Amino acid sequence: VTPLEEGPPATFASAKSVFSRKARVRMQLLKDVVGNDTYH
């Protein structure tokens, strides 16, 4: 899930995600969602 008004998926770390009351369910490439971060 990503905030409705969010831009590129790797920028999910914005403050919008904390205050948003709605989100969009997205199917995306794992590499795009991860961006420069790490995951488990």
PDB file of all heavy atoms in Angstrom:
ATOM      1  N   VAL A   1       0.848  -1.192   0.000  1.00  0.00           N
ATOM      2  CA  VAL A   1       0.000   0.000   0.000  1.00  0.00           C
ATOM      3  C   VAL A   1       0.882   1.240   0.000  1.00  0.00           C
ATOM      4  O   VAL A   1       1.946   1.264   0.629  1.00  0.00           O
ATOM      5  CB  VAL A   1      -0.977   0.024   1.204  1.00  0.00           C
ATOM      6  CG1 VAL A   1      -2.038  -1.060   1.060  1.00  0.00           C
ATOM      7  CG2 VAL A   1      -0.266  -0.116   2.529  1.00  0.00           C
ATOM      8  N   THR A   2       0.428   2.254  -0.748  1.00  0.00           N
ATOM      9  CA  THR A   2       1.137   3.525  -0.824  1.00  0.00           C
ATOM     10  C   THR A   2       0.121   4.643  -0.664  1.00  0.00           C
ATOM     11  O   THR A   2      -1.055   4.476  -1.015  1.00  0.00           O
ATOM     12  CB  THR A   2       1.877   3.688  -2.171  1.00  0.00           C
ATOM     13  OG1 THR A   2       0.929   3.697  -3.232  1.00  0.00           O
ATOM     14  CG2 THR A   2       2.885   2.574  -2.393  1.00  0.00           C
ATOM     15  N   PRO A   3       0.540   5.793  -0.153  1.00  0.00           N
ATOM     16  CA  PRO A   3      -0.393   6.918  -0.052  1.00  0.00           C
ATOM     17  C   PRO A   3      -0.960   7.260  -1.429  1.00  0.00           C
ATOM     18  O   PRO A   3      -0.276   7.122  -2.446  1.00  0.00           O
ATOM     19  CB  PRO A   3       0.473   8.058   0.484  1.00  0.00           C
ATOM     20  CG  PRO A   3       1.604   7.378   1.182  1.00  0.00           C
ATOM     21  CD  PRO A   3       1.849   6.117   0.394  1.00  0.00           C
ATOM     22  N   LEU A   4      -2.203   7.725  -1.473  1.00  0.00           N
ATOM     23  CA  LEU A   4      -2.866   8.016  -2.744  1.00  0.00           C
ATOM     24  C   LEU A   4      -2.092   8.996  -3.602  1.00  0.00           C
ATOM     25  O   LEU A   4      -1.960   8.821  -4.800  1.00  0.00           O
ATOM     26  CB  LEU A   4      -4.275   8.583  -2.493  1.00  0.00           C
ATOM     27  CG  LEU A   4      -5.293   7.600  -1.966  1.00  0.00           C
ATOM     28  CD1 LEU A   4      -6.618   8.316  -1.721  1.00  0.00           C
ATOM     29  CD2 LEU A   4      -5.473   6.445  -2.928  1.00  0.00           C
ATOM     30  N   GLU A   5      -1.562  10.050  -2.989  1.00  0.00           N
ATOM     31  CA  GLU A   5      -0.909  11.114  -3.747  1.00  0.00           C
ATOM     32  C   GLU A   5       0.583  10.898  -3.915  1.00  0.00           C
ATOM     33  O   GLU A   5       1.289  11.768  -4.387  1.00  0.00           O
ATOM     34  CB  GLU A   5      -1.167  12.472  -3.083  1.00  0.00           C
ATOM     35  CG  GLU A   5      -0.610  12.612  -1.683  1.00  0.00           C
ATOM     36  CD  GLU A   5      -1.439  11.975  -0.582  1.00  0.00           C
ATOM     37  OE1 GLU A   5      -2.586  11.567  -0.820  1.00  0.00           O
ATOM     38  OE2 GLU A   5      -0.912  11.858   0.539  1.00  0.00           O
ATOM     39  N   GLU A   6       1.057   9.718  -3.550  1.00  0.00           N
ATOM     40  CA  GLU A   6       2.495   9.459  -3.570  1.00  0.00           C
ATOM     41  C   GLU A   6       3.019   9.352  -4.991  1.00  0.00           C
ATOM     42  O   GLU A   6       2.346   8.865  -5.878  1.00  0.00           O
ATOM     43  CB  GLU A   6       2.784   8.170  -2.814  1.00  0.00           C
ATOM     44  CG  GLU A   6       4.209   7.982  -2.445  1.00  0.00           C
ATOM     45  CD  GLU A   6       4.739   9.008  -1.473  1.00  0.00           C
ATOM     46  OE1 GLU A   6       4.032   9.392  -0.554  1.00  0.00           O
ATOM     47  OE2 GLU A   6       5.883   9.432  -1.651  1.00  0.00           O
ATOM     48  N   GLY A   7       4.237   9.792  -5.179  1.00  0.00           N
ATOM     49  CA  GLY A   7       4.895   9.715  -6.475  1.00  0.00           C
ATOM     50  C   GLY A   7       5.576   8.369  -6.649  1.00  0.00           C
ATOM     51  O   GLY A   7       4.977   7.337  -6.404  1.00  0.00           O
ATOM     52  N   PRO A   8       6.858   8.355  -7.016  1.00  0.00           N
ATOM     53  CA  PRO A   8       7.572   7.093  -7.234  1.00  0.00           C
ATOM     54  C   PRO A   8       7.528   6.216  -5.986  1.00  0.00           C
ATOM     55  O   PRO A   8       7.599   6.717  -4.863  1.00  0.00           O
ATOM     56  CB  PRO A   8       9.006   7.553  -7.534  1.00  0.00           C
ATOM     57  CG  PRO A   8       8.871   8.959  -8.007  1.00  0.00           C
ATOM     58  CD  PRO A   8       7.671   9.529  -7.299  1.00  0.00           C
ATOM     59  N   PRO A   9       7.400   4.901  -6.147  1.00  0.00           N
ATOM     60  CA  PRO A   9       7.236   3.995  -5.024  1.00  0.00           C
ATOM     61  C   PRO A   9       8.359   4.024  -4.010  1.00  0.00           C
ATOM     62  O   PRO A   9       8.127   3.821  -2.839  1.00  0.00           O
ATOM     63  CB  PRO A   9       7.130   2.611  -5.675  1.00  0.00           C
ATOM     64  CG  PRO A   9       7.600   2.782  -7.067  1.00  0.00           C
ATOM     65  CD  PRO A   9       7.428   4.220  -7.433  1.00  0.00           C
ATOM     66  N   ALA A  10       9.577   4.297  -4.420  1.00  0.00           N
ATOM     67  CA  ALA A  10      10.697   4.269  -3.475  1.00  0.00           C
ATOM     68  C   ALA A  10      10.678   5.469  -2.539  1.00  0.00           C
ATOM     69  O   ALA A  10      11.445   5.533  -1.597  1.00  0.00           O
ATOM     70  CB  ALA A  10      12.017   4.230  -4.231  1.00  0.00           C
ATOM     71  N   THR A  11       9.771   6.431  -2.755  1.00  0.00           N
ATOM     72  CA  THR A  11       9.717   7.611  -1.894  1.00  0.00           C
ATOM     73  C   THR A  11       8.643   7.478  -0.822  1.00  0.00           C
ATOM     74  O   THR A  11       8.192   8.469  -0.275  1.00  0.00           O
ATOM     75  CB  THR A  11       9.453   8.893  -2.724  1.00  0.00           C
ATOM     76  OG1 THR A  11       8.167   8.784  -3.337  1.00  0.00           O
ATOM     77  CG2 THR A  11      10.522   9.110  -3.766  1.00  0.00           C
ATOM     78  N   PHE A  12       8.239   6.263  -0.501  1.00  0.00           N
ATOM     79  CA  PHE A  12       7.171   6.041   0.476  1.00  0.00           C
ATOM     80  C   PHE A  12       7.508   6.613   1.847  1.00  0.00           C
ATOM     81  O   PHE A  12       6.649   6.776   2.682  1.00  0.00           O
ATOM     82  CB  PHE A  12       6.894   4.538   0.589  1.00  0.00           C
ATOM     83  CG  PHE A  12       5.665   4.222   1.375  1.00  0.00           C
ATOM     84  CD1 PHE A  12       4.419   4.270   0.777  1.00  0.00           C
ATOM     85  CD2 PHE A  12       5.735   3.890   2.717  1.00  0.00           C
ATOM     86  CE1 PHE A  12       3.281   3.976   1.498  1.00  0.00           C
ATOM     87  CE2 PHE A  12       4.595   3.593   3.443  1.00  0.00           C
ATOM     88  CZ  PHE A  12       3.366   3.642   2.822  1.00  0.00           C
ATOM     89  N   ALA A  13       8.757   6.975   2.086  1.00  0.00           N
ATOM     90  CA  ALA A  13       9.197   7.448   3.396  1.00  0.00           C
ATOM     91  C   ALA A  13       8.715   8.854   3.705  1.00  0.00           C
ATOM     92  O   ALA A  13       9.079   9.419   4.703  1.00  0.00           O
ATOM     93  CB  ALA A  13      10.724   7.407   3.476  1.00  0.00           C
ATOM     94  N   SER A  14       7.873   9.406   2.891  1.00  0.00           N
ATOM     95  CA  SER A  14       7.423  10.777   3.115  1.00  0.00           C
ATOM     96  C   SER A  14       6.492  10.870   4.313  1.00  0.00           C
ATOM     97  O   SER A  14       5.899   9.895   4.748  1.00  0.00           O
ATOM     98  CB  SER A  14       6.704  11.306   1.879  1.00  0.00           C
ATOM     99  OG  SER A  14       5.424  10.731   1.779  1.00  0.00           O
ATOM    100  N   ALA A  15       6.338  12.085   4.816  1.00  0.00           N
ATOM    101  CA  ALA A  15       5.437  12.328   5.939  1.00  0.00           C
ATOM    102  C   ALA A  15       3.989  12.071   5.536  1.00  0.00           C
ATOM    103  O   ALA A  15       3.151  11.808   6.388  1.00  0.00           O
ATOM    104  CB  ALA A  15       5.592  13.764   6.427  1.00  0.00           C
ATOM    105  N   LYS A  16       3.686  12.103   4.246  1.00  0.00           N
ATOM    106  CA  LYS A  16       2.320  11.847   3.784  1.00  0.00           C
ATOM    107  C   LYS A  16       1.826  10.494   4.276  1.00  0.00           C
ATOM    108  O   LYS A  16       0.656  10.342   4.585  1.00  0.00           O
ATOM    109  CB  LYS A  16       2.261  11.866   2.255  1.00  0.00           C
ATOM    110  CG  LYS A  16       2.468  13.202   1.628  1.00  0.00           C
ATOM    111  CD  LYS A  16       2.412  13.037   0.114  1.00  0.00           C
ATOM    112  CE  LYS A  16       2.967  14.241  -0.578  1.00  0.00           C
ATOM    113  NZ  LYS A  16       3.064  14.025  -2.022  1.00  0.00           N
ATOM    114  N   SER A  17       2.722   9.504   4.306  1.00  0.00           N
ATOM    115  CA  SER A  17       2.306   8.165   4.695  1.00  0.00           C
ATOM    116  C   SER A  17       1.864   8.112   6.153  1.00  0.00           C
ATOM    117  O   SER A  17       1.036   7.292   6.520  1.00  0.00           O
ATOM    118  CB  SER A  17       3.420   7.152   4.440  1.00  0.00           C
ATOM    119  OG  SER A  17       4.533   7.424   5.236  1.00  0.00           O
ATOM    120  N   VAL A  18       2.384   8.981   6.978  1.00  0.00           N
ATOM    121  CA  VAL A  18       2.010   8.995   8.394  1.00  0.00           C
ATOM    122  C   VAL A  18       0.626   9.599   8.589  1.00  0.00           C
ATOM    123  O   VAL A  18      -0.161   9.134   9.398  1.00  0.00           O
ATOM    124  CB  VAL A  18       3.057   9.785   9.217  1.00  0.00           C
ATOM    125  CG1 VAL A  18       2.612   9.927  10.652  1.00  0.00           C
ATOM    126  CG2 VAL A  18       4.405   9.089   9.144  1.00  0.00           C
ATOM    127  N   PHE A  19       0.295  10.625   7.800  1.00  0.00           N
ATOM    128  CA  PHE A  19      -0.951  11.354   8.011  1.00  0.00           C
ATOM    129  C   PHE A  19      -2.065  10.952   7.058  1.00  0.00           C
ATOM    130  O   PHE A  19      -3.192  11.364   7.229  1.00  0.00           O
ATOM    131  CB  PHE A  19      -0.679  12.859   7.904  1.00  0.00           C
ATOM    132  CG  PHE A  19       0.301  13.326   8.945  1.00  0.00           C
ATOM    133  CD1 PHE A  19       1.580  13.713   8.584  1.00  0.00           C
ATOM    134  CD2 PHE A  19      -0.034  13.335  10.293  1.00  0.00           C
ATOM    135  CE1 PHE A  19       2.493  14.122   9.545  1.00  0.00           C
ATOM    136  CE2 PHE A  19       0.867  13.738  11.257  1.00  0.00           C
ATOM    137  CZ  PHE A  19       2.140  14.134  10.884  1.00  0.00           C
ATOM    138  N   SER A  20      -1.749  10.153   6.065  1.00  0.00           N
ATOM    139  CA  SER A  20      -2.742   9.750   5.084  1.00  0.00           C
ATOM    140  C   SER A  20      -3.788   8.851   5.729  1.00  0.00           C
ATOM    141  O   SER A  20      -3.471   8.032   6.579  1.00  0.00           O
ATOM    142  CB  SER A  20      -2.036   9.020   3.932  1.00  0.00           C
ATOM    143  OG  SER A  20      -2.970   8.672   2.950  1.00  0.00           O
ATOM    144  N   ARG A  21      -5.030   8.983   5.311  1.00  0.00           N
ATOM    145  CA  ARG A  21      -6.111   8.138   5.820  1.00  0.00           C
ATOM    146  C   ARG A  21      -6.555   7.125   4.769  1.00  0.00           C
ATOM    147  O   ARG A  21      -7.366   6.261   5.031  1.00  0.00           O
ATOM    148  CB  ARG A  21      -7.322   8.988   6.235  1.00  0.00           C
ATOM    149  CG  ARG A  21      -7.022  10.042   7.290  1.00  0.00           C
ATOM    150  CD  ARG A  21      -6.469   9.495   8.560  1.00  0.00           C
ATOM    151  NE  ARG A  21      -7.497   8.835   9.328  1.00  0.00           N
ATOM    152  CZ  ARG A  21      -7.264   8.059  10.356  1.00  0.00           C
ATOM    153  NH1 ARG A  21      -6.046   7.849  10.752  1.00  0.00           N
ATOM    154  NH2 ARG A  21      -8.230   7.486  11.003  1.00  0.00           N
ATOM    155  N   LYS A  22      -6.038   7.270   3.559  1.00  0.00           N
ATOM    156  CA  LYS A  22      -6.358   6.368   2.456  1.00  0.00           C
ATOM    157  C   LYS A  22      -5.061   5.952   1.775  1.00  0.00           C
ATOM    158  O   LYS A  22      -4.086   6.693   1.772  1.00  0.00           O
ATOM    159  CB  LYS A  22      -7.256   7.057   1.421  1.00  0.00           C
ATOM    160  CG  LYS A  22      -8.639   7.407   1.925  1.00  0.00           C
ATOM    161  CD  LYS A  22      -9.496   6.180   1.932  1.00  0.00           C
ATOM    162  CE  LYS A  22     -10.909   6.525   2.348  1.00  0.00           C
ATOM    163  NZ  LYS A  22     -11.743   5.344   2.423  1.00  0.00           N
ATOM    164  N   ALA A  23      -5.079   4.779   1.205  1.00  0.00           N
ATOM    165  CA  ALA A  23      -3.908   4.279   0.489  1.00  0.00           C
ATOM    166  C   ALA A  23      -4.377   3.561  -0.775  1.00  0.00           C
ATOM    167  O   ALA A  23      -5.544   3.191  -0.895  1.00  0.00           O
ATOM    168  CB  ALA A  23      -3.111   3.330   1.376  1.00  0.00           C
ATOM    169  N   ARG A  24      -3.453   3.372  -1.683  1.00  0.00           N
ATOM    170  CA  ARG A  24      -3.722   2.637  -2.916  1.00  0.00           C
ATOM    171  C   ARG A  24      -2.934   1.333  -2.859  1.00  0.00           C
ATOM    172  O   ARG A  24      -1.757   1.324  -2.493  1.00  0.00           O
ATOM    173  CB  ARG A  24      -3.287   3.468  -4.112  1.00  0.00           C
ATOM    174  CG  ARG A  24      -3.358   2.763  -5.439  1.00  0.00           C
ATOM    175  CD  ARG A  24      -4.610   2.893  -6.251  1.00  0.00           C
ATOM    176  NE  ARG A  24      -5.113   4.244  -6.307  1.00  0.00           N
ATOM    177  CZ  ARG A  24      -6.419   4.515  -6.367  1.00  0.00           C
ATOM    178  NH1 ARG A  24      -7.301   3.535  -6.364  1.00  0.00           N
ATOM    179  NH2 ARG A  24      -6.847   5.743  -6.423  1.00  0.00           N
ATOM    180  N   VAL A  25      -3.592   0.237  -3.216  1.00  0.00           N
ATOM    181  CA  VAL A  25      -2.931  -1.059  -3.293  1.00  0.00           C
ATOM    182  C   VAL A  25      -2.250  -1.132  -4.656  1.00  0.00           C
ATOM    183  O   VAL A  25      -2.885  -0.928  -5.685  1.00  0.00           O
ATOM    184  CB  VAL A  25      -3.939  -2.215  -3.136  1.00  0.00           C
ATOM    185  CG1 VAL A  25      -3.242  -3.564  -3.279  1.00  0.00           C
ATOM    186  CG2 VAL A  25      -4.661  -2.117  -1.799  1.00  0.00           C
ATOM    187  N   ARG A  26      -0.950  -1.392  -4.620  1.00  0.00           N
ATOM    188  CA  ARG A  26      -0.179  -1.408  -5.872  1.00  0.00           C
ATOM    189  C   ARG A  26       0.596  -2.717  -6.011  1.00  0.00           C
ATOM    190  O   ARG A  26       1.138  -3.237  -5.040  1.00  0.00           O
ATOM    191  CB  ARG A  26       0.804  -0.254  -5.888  1.00  0.00           C
ATOM    192  CG  ARG A  26       0.120   1.100  -5.827  1.00  0.00           C
ATOM    193  CD  ARG A  26       1.103   2.205  -6.155  1.00  0.00           C
ATOM    194  NE  ARG A  26       0.589   3.510  -5.844  1.00  0.00           N
ATOM    195  CZ  ARG A  26      -0.212   4.215  -6.656  1.00  0.00           C
ATOM    196  NH1 ARG A  26      -0.575   3.744  -7.799  1.00  0.00           N
ATOM    197  NH2 ARG A  26      -0.636   5.411  -6.284  1.00  0.00           N
ATOM    198  N   MET A  27       0.651  -3.166  -7.255  1.00  0.00           N
ATOM    199  CA  MET A  27       1.522  -4.283  -7.611  1.00  0.00           C
ATOM    200  C   MET A  27       2.706  -3.651  -8.327  1.00  0.00           C
ATOM    201  O   MET A  27       2.542  -2.974  -9.340  1.00  0.00           O
ATOM    202  CB  MET A  27       0.814  -5.277  -8.526  1.00  0.00           C
ATOM    203  CG  MET A  27       1.654  -6.507  -8.802  1.00  0.00           C
ATOM    204  SD  MET A  27       0.752  -7.796  -9.685  1.00  0.00           S
ATOM    205  CE  MET A  27       1.158  -7.364 -11.360  1.00  0.00           C
ATOM    206  N   GLN A  28       3.902  -3.844  -7.761  1.00  0.00           N
ATOM    207  CA  GLN A  28       5.096  -3.197  -8.286  1.00  0.00           C
ATOM    208  C   GLN A  28       6.266  -4.171  -8.245  1.00  0.00           C
ATOM    209  O   GLN A  28       6.242  -5.155  -7.497  1.00  0.00           O
ATOM    210  CB  GLN A  28       5.434  -1.971  -7.427  1.00  0.00           C
ATOM    211  CG  GLN A  28       4.332  -0.933  -7.400  1.00  0.00           C
ATOM    212  CD  GLN A  28       4.577   0.102  -6.317  1.00  0.00           C
ATOM    213  OE1 GLN A  28       4.620  -0.231  -5.147  1.00  0.00           O
ATOM    214  NE2 GLN A  28       4.739   1.346  -6.721  1.00  0.00           N
ATOM    215  N   LEU A  29       7.284  -3.854  -9.008  1.00  0.00           N
ATOM    216  CA  LEU A  29       8.498  -4.650  -8.931  1.00  0.00           C
ATOM    217  C   LEU A  29       9.158  -4.455  -7.573  1.00  0.00           C
ATOM    218  O   LEU A  29       9.252  -3.319  -7.084  1.00  0.00           O
ATOM    219  CB  LEU A  29       9.470  -4.257 -10.039  1.00  0.00           C
ATOM    220  CG  LEU A  29       9.106  -4.740 -11.439  1.00  0.00           C
ATOM    221  CD1 LEU A  29       9.990  -4.072 -12.484  1.00  0.00           C
ATOM    222  CD2 LEU A  29       9.198  -6.264 -11.536  1.00  0.00           C
ATOM    223  N   LEU A  30       9.594  -5.534  -6.960  1.00  0.00           N
ATOM    224  CA  LEU A  30      10.271  -5.473  -5.670  1.00  0.00           C
ATOM    225  C   LEU A  30      11.446  -4.503  -5.729  1.00  0.00           C
ATOM    226  O   LEU A  30      11.613  -3.676  -4.836  1.00  0.00           O
ATOM    227  CB  LEU A  30      10.740  -6.867  -5.253  1.00  0.00           C
ATOM    228  CG  LEU A  30      11.608  -6.965  -3.998  1.00  0.00           C
ATOM    229  CD1 LEU A  30      10.868  -6.446  -2.770  1.00  0.00           C
ATOM    230  CD2 LEU A  30      12.080  -8.397  -3.783  1.00  0.00           C
ATOM    231  N   LYS A  31      12.236  -4.562  -6.790  1.00  0.00           N
ATOM    232  CA  LYS A  31      13.410  -3.696  -6.888  1.00  0.00           C
ATOM    233  C   LYS A  31      13.030  -2.217  -6.900  1.00  0.00           C
ATOM    234  O   LYS A  31      13.759  -1.385  -6.375  1.00  0.00           O
ATOM    235  CB  LYS A  31      14.257  -4.045  -8.117  1.00  0.00           C
ATOM    236  CG  LYS A  31      13.587  -3.754  -9.438  1.00  0.00           C
ATOM    237  CD  LYS A  31      14.486  -4.070 -10.603  1.00  0.00           C
ATOM    238  CE  LYS A  31      13.788  -3.633 -11.883  1.00  0.00           C
ATOM    239  NZ  LYS A  31      14.666  -3.503 -12.995  1.00  0.00           N
ATOM    240  N   ASP A  32      11.863  -1.874  -7.462  1.00  0.00           N
ATOM    241  CA  ASP A  32      11.416  -0.479  -7.475  1.00  0.00           C
ATOM    242  C   ASP A  32      10.941  -0.034  -6.096  1.00  0.00           C
ATOM    243  O   ASP A  32      11.162   1.100  -5.686  1.00  0.00           O
ATOM    244  CB  ASP A  32      10.295  -0.274  -8.503  1.00  0.00           C
ATOM    245  CG  ASP A  32      10.773  -0.421  -9.940  1.00  0.00           C
ATOM    246  OD1 ASP A  32      11.998  -0.332 -10.178  1.00  0.00           O
ATOM    247  OD2 ASP A  32       9.919  -0.627 -10.818  1.00  0.00           O
ATOM    248  N   VAL A  33      10.258  -0.926  -5.394  1.00  0.00           N
ATOM    249  CA  VAL A  33       9.763  -0.590  -4.052  1.00  0.00           C
ATOM    250  C   VAL A  33      10.926  -0.469  -3.080  1.00  0.00           C
ATOM    251  O   VAL A  33      10.971   0.432  -2.249  1.00  0.00           O
ATOM    252  CB  VAL A  33       8.735  -1.631  -3.561  1.00  0.00           C
ATOM    253  CG1 VAL A  33       8.287  -1.319  -2.135  1.00  0.00           C
ATOM    254  CG2 VAL A  33       7.523  -1.661  -4.494  1.00  0.00           C
ATOM    255  N   VAL A  34      11.901  -1.353  -3.200  1.00  0.00           N
ATOM    256  CA  VAL A  34      13.059  -1.343  -2.306  1.00  0.00           C
ATOM    257  C   VAL A  34      13.947  -0.135  -2.581  1.00  0.00           C
ATOM    258  O   VAL A  34      14.454   0.495  -1.657  1.00  0.00           O
ATOM    259  CB  VAL A  34      13.861  -2.660  -2.420  1.00  0.00           C
ATOM    260  CG1 VAL A  34      15.187  -2.559  -1.688  1.00  0.00           C
ATOM    261  CG2 VAL A  34      13.046  -3.820  -1.882  1.00  0.00           C
ATOM    262  N   GLY A  35      14.132   0.212  -3.846  1.00  0.00           N
ATOM    263  CA  GLY A  35      15.011   1.334  -4.188  1.00  0.00           C
ATOM    264  C   GLY A  35      16.412   1.084  -3.666  1.00  0.00           C
ATOM    265  O   GLY A  35      16.971   0.011  -3.868  1.00  0.00           O
ATOM    266  N   ASN A  36      16.958   2.063  -2.938  1.00  0.00           N
ATOM    267  CA  ASN A  36      18.315   1.951  -2.382  1.00  0.00           C
ATOM    268  C   ASN A  36      18.344   1.347  -0.979  1.00  0.00           C
ATOM    269  O   ASN A  36      19.390   1.304  -0.345  1.00  0.00           O
ATOM    270  CB  ASN A  36      18.988   3.325  -2.358  1.00  0.00           C
ATOM    271  CG  ASN A  36      19.237   3.831  -3.760  1.00  0.00           C
ATOM    272  OD1 ASN A  36      19.527   3.064  -4.675  1.00  0.00           O
ATOM    273  ND2 ASN A  36      19.095   5.134  -3.947  1.00  0.00           N
ATOM    274  N   ASP A  37      17.191   0.931  -0.467  1.00  0.00           N
ATOM    275  CA  ASP A  37      17.112   0.394   0.884  1.00  0.00           C
ATOM    276  C   ASP A  37      17.420  -1.109   0.891  1.00  0.00           C
ATOM    277  O   ASP A  37      17.642  -1.712  -0.146  1.00  0.00           O
ATOM    278  CB  ASP A  37      15.720   0.662   1.464  1.00  0.00           C
ATOM    279  CG  ASP A  37      15.434   2.151   1.586  1.00  0.00           C
ATOM    280  OD1 ASP A  37      16.348   2.901   1.977  1.00  0.00           O
ATOM    281  OD2 ASP A  37      14.301   2.568   1.275  1.00  0.00           O
ATOM    282  N   THR A  38      17.419  -1.692   2.072  1.00  0.00           N
ATOM    283  CA  THR A  38      17.596  -3.133   2.213  1.00  0.00           C
ATOM    284  C   THR A  38      16.293  -3.736   2.715  1.00  0.00           C
ATOM    285  O   THR A  38      15.407  -3.022   3.193  1.00  0.00           O
ATOM    286  CB  THR A  38      18.728  -3.482   3.199  1.00  0.00           C
ATOM    287  OG1 THR A  38      18.409  -2.952   4.480  1.00  0.00           O
ATOM    288  CG2 THR A  38      20.065  -2.945   2.716  1.00  0.00           C
ATOM    289  N   TYR A  39      16.197  -5.060   2.611  1.00  0.00           N
ATOM    290  CA  TYR A  39      14.988  -5.731   3.102  1.00  0.00           C
ATOM    291  C   TYR A  39      15.320  -7.122   3.613  1.00  0.00           C
ATOM    292  O   TYR A  39      16.379  -7.667   3.328  1.00  0.00           O
ATOM    293  CB  TYR A  39      13.907  -5.792   2.012  1.00  0.00           C
ATOM    294  CG  TYR A  39      14.194  -6.732   0.868  1.00  0.00           C
ATOM    295  CD1 TYR A  39      13.773  -8.056   0.917  1.00  0.00           C
ATOM    296  CD2 TYR A  39      14.865  -6.302  -0.271  1.00  0.00           C
ATOM    297  CE1 TYR A  39      14.015  -8.923  -0.130  1.00  0.00           C
ATOM    298  CE2 TYR A  39      15.108  -7.163  -1.325  1.00  0.00           C
ATOM    299  CZ  TYR A  39      14.684  -8.472  -1.247  1.00  0.00           C
ATOM    300  OH  TYR A  39      14.929  -9.326  -2.284  1.00  0.00           O
ATOM    301  N   HIS A  40      14.383  -7.647   4.388  1.00  0.00           N
ATOM    302  CA  HIS A  40      14.447  -9.029   4.867  1.00  0.00           C
ATOM    303  C   HIS A  40      13.205  -9.751   4.382  1.00  0.00           C
ATOM    304  O   HIS A  40      12.144  -9.146   4.282  1.00  0.00           O
ATOM    305  CB  HIS A  40      14.424  -9.111   6.396  1.00  0.00           C
ATOM    306  CG  HIS A  40      15.611  -8.558   7.072  1.00  0.00           C
ATOM    307  ND1 HIS A  40      15.630  -8.318   8.422  1.00  0.00           N
ATOM    308  CD2 HIS A  40      16.828  -8.189   6.630  1.00  0.00           C
ATOM    309  CE1 HIS A  40      16.807  -7.824   8.761  1.00  0.00           C
ATOM    310  NE2 HIS A  40      17.549  -7.738   7.691  1.00  0.00           N
TER     311      HIS A  40
END
